[in-house]
C-alpha atoms as a PDB file:
ATOM      1  CA  MET A   1       5.136 -12.506 -11.606  1.00  0.00           C
ATOM      2  CA  ALA A   2       1.842 -12.297 -13.479  1.00  0.00           C
ATOM      3  CA  GLY A   3       0.957  -8.757 -14.595  1.00  0.00           C
ATOM      4  CA  TRP A   4      -2.130  -8.558 -12.389  1.00  0.00           C
ATOM      5  CA  ARG A   5      -0.203  -9.492  -9.243  1.00  0.00           C
ATOM      6  CA  GLN A   6       1.751  -6.858  -7.395  1.00  0.00           C
ATOM      7  CA  PRO A   7       3.858  -7.382  -4.282  1.00  0.00           C
ATOM      8  CA  LEU A   8       2.709  -5.735  -1.062  1.00  0.00           C
ATOM      9  CA  LEU A   9       4.742  -2.928   0.443  1.00  0.00           C
ATOM     10  CA  ASP A  10       6.852  -3.945   3.419  1.00  0.00           C
ATOM     11  CA  ALA A  11       6.606  -1.962   6.668  1.00  0.00           C
ATOM     12  CA  GLU A  12       9.619   0.248   5.927  1.00  0.00           C
ATOM     13  CA  LEU A  13       8.370   1.235   2.464  1.00  0.00           C
ATOM     14  CA  MET A  14       4.851   1.831   3.802  1.00  0.00           C
ATOM     15  CA  ARG A  15       6.198   4.146   6.510  1.00  0.00           C
ATOM     16  CA  ALA A  16       8.187   6.020   3.861  1.00  0.00           C
ATOM     17  CA  THR A  17       5.075   6.312   1.690  1.00  0.00           C
ATOM     18  CA  ASP A  18       3.049   7.649   4.638  1.00  0.00           C
ATOM     19  CA  ARG A  19       5.807  10.133   5.460  1.00  0.00           C
ATOM     20  CA  TRP A  20       5.855  11.317   1.824  1.00  0.00           C
ATOM     21  CA  ALA A  21       2.066  11.763   1.783  1.00  0.00           C
ATOM     22  CA  ILE A  22       2.071  13.658   5.085  1.00  0.00           C
ATOM     23  CA  GLU A  23       5.212  15.766   4.703  1.00  0.00           C
ATOM     24  CA  ASP A  24       5.473  16.321   0.949  1.00  0.00           C
ATOM     25  CA  ARG A  25       1.833  16.223  -0.087  1.00  0.00           C
ATOM     26  CA  GLY A  26       0.343  17.767   3.081  1.00  0.00           C
ATOM     27  CA  ILE A  27      -2.237  15.036   3.677  1.00  0.00           C
ATOM     28  CA  PRO A  28      -3.077  14.764   7.398  1.00  0.00           C
ATOM     29  CA  SER A  29      -2.327  11.333   8.894  1.00  0.00           C
ATOM     30  CA  LEU A  30      -5.917  11.027  10.136  1.00  0.00           C
ATOM     31  CA  GLU A  31      -7.152  11.506   6.564  1.00  0.00           C
ATOM     32  CA  LEU A  32      -4.805   8.744   5.372  1.00  0.00           C
ATOM     33  CA  MET A  33      -6.250   6.485   8.073  1.00  0.00           C
ATOM     34  CA  GLU A  34      -9.819   7.317   7.056  1.00  0.00           C
ATOM     35  CA  ARG A  35      -9.025   6.662   3.377  1.00  0.00           C
ATOM     36  CA  ALA A  36      -7.344   3.337   4.128  1.00  0.00           C
ATOM     37  CA  GLY A  37     -10.214   2.220   6.376  1.00  0.00           C
ATOM     38  CA  ALA A  38     -12.784   3.261   3.761  1.00  0.00           C
ATOM     39  CA  GLY A  39     -10.917   1.285   1.100  1.00  0.00           C
ATOM     40  CA  LEU A  40     -10.849  -1.775   3.328  1.00  0.00           C
ATOM     41  CA  ALA A  41     -14.567  -1.431   4.067  1.00  0.00           C
ATOM     42  CA  ARG A  42     -15.355  -1.213   0.317  1.00  0.00           C
ATOM     43  CA  LEU A  43     -13.199  -4.245  -0.438  1.00  0.00           C
ATOM     44  CA  THR A  44     -14.863  -6.190   2.374  1.00  0.00           C
ATOM     45  CA  GLU A  45     -18.288  -5.451   0.891  1.00  0.00           C
ATOM     46  CA  VAL A  46     -17.133  -6.826  -2.476  1.00  0.00           C
ATOM     47  CA  VAL A  47     -15.349  -9.916  -1.162  1.00  0.00           C
ATOM     48  CA  ALA A  48     -17.822 -10.722   1.640  1.00  0.00           C
ATOM     49  CA  PRO A  49     -21.086  -8.902   0.827  1.00  0.00           C
ATOM     50  CA  ALA A  50     -23.081 -10.492   3.647  1.00  0.00           C
ATOM     51  CA  GLY A  51     -22.575 -11.921   7.098  1.00  0.00           C
ATOM     52  CA  ARG A  52     -20.634 -11.098  10.192  1.00  0.00           C
ATOM     53  CA  VAL A  53     -17.160  -9.539   9.838  1.00  0.00           C
ATOM     54  CA  LEU A  54     -14.147  -9.956  12.109  1.00  0.00           C
ATOM     55  CA  VAL A  55     -11.593  -7.135  12.004  1.00  0.00           C
ATOM     56  CA  MET A  56      -8.235  -7.994  13.581  1.00  0.00           C
ATOM     57  CA  CYS A  57      -6.285  -4.889  14.590  1.00  0.00           C
ATOM     58  CA  GLY A  58      -2.660  -4.748  15.598  1.00  0.00           C
ATOM     59  CA  LYS A  59      -1.008  -1.841  17.309  1.00  0.00           C
ATOM     60  CA  GLY A  60       0.161   0.978  15.109  1.00  0.00           C
ATOM     61  CA  ASN A  61      -1.591   3.034  12.484  1.00  0.00           C
ATOM     62  CA  ASN A  62      -2.759  -0.027  10.548  1.00  0.00           C
ATOM     63  CA  GLY A  63      -4.783  -0.939  13.626  1.00  0.00           C
ATOM     64  CA  GLY A  64      -6.428   2.466  13.274  1.00  0.00           C
ATOM     65  CA  ASP A  65      -7.248   1.657   9.641  1.00  0.00           C
ATOM     66  CA  GLY A  66      -9.028  -1.486  10.859  1.00  0.00           C
ATOM     67  CA  LEU A  67     -11.009   0.481  13.441  1.00  0.00           C
ATOM     68  CA  VAL A  68     -12.132   2.909  10.732  1.00  0.00           C
ATOM     69  CA  ALA A  69     -13.209  -0.014   8.509  1.00  0.00           C
ATOM     70  CA  ALA A  70     -15.140  -1.541  11.406  1.00  0.00           C
ATOM     71  CA  ARG A  71     -16.894   1.764  12.124  1.00  0.00           C
ATOM     72  CA  LEU A  72     -17.885   2.226   8.477  1.00  0.00           C
ATOM     73  CA  LEU A  73     -19.107  -1.343   8.068  1.00  0.00           C
ATOM     74  CA  ARG A  74     -21.226  -1.039  11.226  1.00  0.00           C
ATOM     75  CA  ALA A  75     -22.659   2.243   9.948  1.00  0.00           C
ATOM     76  CA  ARG A  76     -23.734   0.325   6.816  1.00  0.00           C
ATOM     77  CA  GLY A  77     -25.549  -2.245   8.918  1.00  0.00           C
ATOM     78  CA  ARG A  78     -22.950  -5.016   9.081  1.00  0.00           C
ATOM     79  CA  GLU A  79     -22.379  -7.020  12.238  1.00  0.00           C
ATOM     80  CA  VAL A  80     -18.699  -6.459  13.072  1.00  0.00           C
ATOM     81  CA  ASP A  81     -16.455  -7.894  15.785  1.00  0.00           C
ATOM     82  CA  VAL A  82     -13.134  -6.213  16.487  1.00  0.00           C
ATOM     83  CA  GLN A  83     -10.216  -8.071  18.054  1.00  0.00           C
ATOM     84  CA  LEU A  84      -7.118  -6.215  19.211  1.00  0.00           C
ATOM     85  CA  VAL A  85      -3.800  -8.023  19.020  1.00  0.00           C
ATOM     86  CA  GLY A  86      -1.848  -6.607  21.945  1.00  0.00           C
ATOM     87  CA  GLU A  87      -2.926  -4.265  24.689  1.00  0.00           C
ATOM     88  CA  SER A  88      -5.228  -1.338  23.904  1.00  0.00           C
ATOM     89  CA  ALA A  89      -2.807   0.932  25.790  1.00  0.00           C
ATOM     90  CA  ASP A  90      -0.168   0.009  23.170  1.00  0.00           C
ATOM     91  CA  LEU A  91      -2.175   1.355  20.230  1.00  0.00           C
ATOM     92  CA  GLN A  92      -0.040   3.836  18.337  1.00  0.00           C
ATOM     93  CA  VAL A  93      -2.682   5.440  16.143  1.00  0.00           C
ATOM     94  CA  THR A  94      -2.049   9.109  15.580  1.00  0.00           C
ATOM     95  CA  ARG A  95      -5.520   9.960  16.846  1.00  0.00           C
ATOM     96  CA  ALA A  96      -8.234   7.536  17.842  1.00  0.00           C
ATOM     97  CA  PRO A  97     -10.874   7.187  15.123  1.00  0.00           C
ATOM     98  CA  THR A  98     -14.440   8.102  15.978  1.00  0.00           C
ATOM     99  CA  SER A  99     -16.161   5.541  18.194  1.00  0.00           C
ATOM    100  CA  ILE A 100     -16.859   2.270  16.420  1.00  0.00           C
ATOM    101  CA  GLY A 101     -20.056   1.641  18.338  1.00  0.00           C
ATOM    102  CA  SER A 102     -19.262  -1.361  20.521  1.00  0.00           C
ATOM    103  CA  PRO A 103     -16.472  -2.850  22.584  1.00  0.00           C
ATOM    104  CA  VAL A 104     -13.146  -3.852  21.117  1.00  0.00           C
ATOM    105  CA  ARG A 105     -11.883  -7.143  22.509  1.00  0.00           C
ATOM    106  CA  ARG A 106      -8.291  -8.150  23.052  1.00  0.00           C
ATOM    107  CA  ALA A 107      -7.265 -11.282  21.166  1.00  0.00           C
ATOM    108  CA  HIS A 108      -5.685 -13.966  23.329  1.00  0.00           C
ATOM    109  CA  ALA A 109      -2.802 -16.099  22.149  1.00  0.00           C
END
């Protein structure tokens, strides 16, 4: 694999990394979510500096990361649509991020 390419963490390793950060390093899970969402928002601004943004959110904490990114992008003046994959009642975020400013829609198969 080329030196600049790195494989993504699979779900099990990501959960272990989150557990390490929370339990061993004392970083609150909500702070991890805010950091991840902020990183995604920054990357979005680099990769797609203008135009409407669609954020697809699954259930679980990664869905919370997407909601944070959507909130931050909207706060910076971007037009953002959020689509939930699954039912909103199934979201497993540790704590719901601050309001993102408009409705979240459920994606249909």
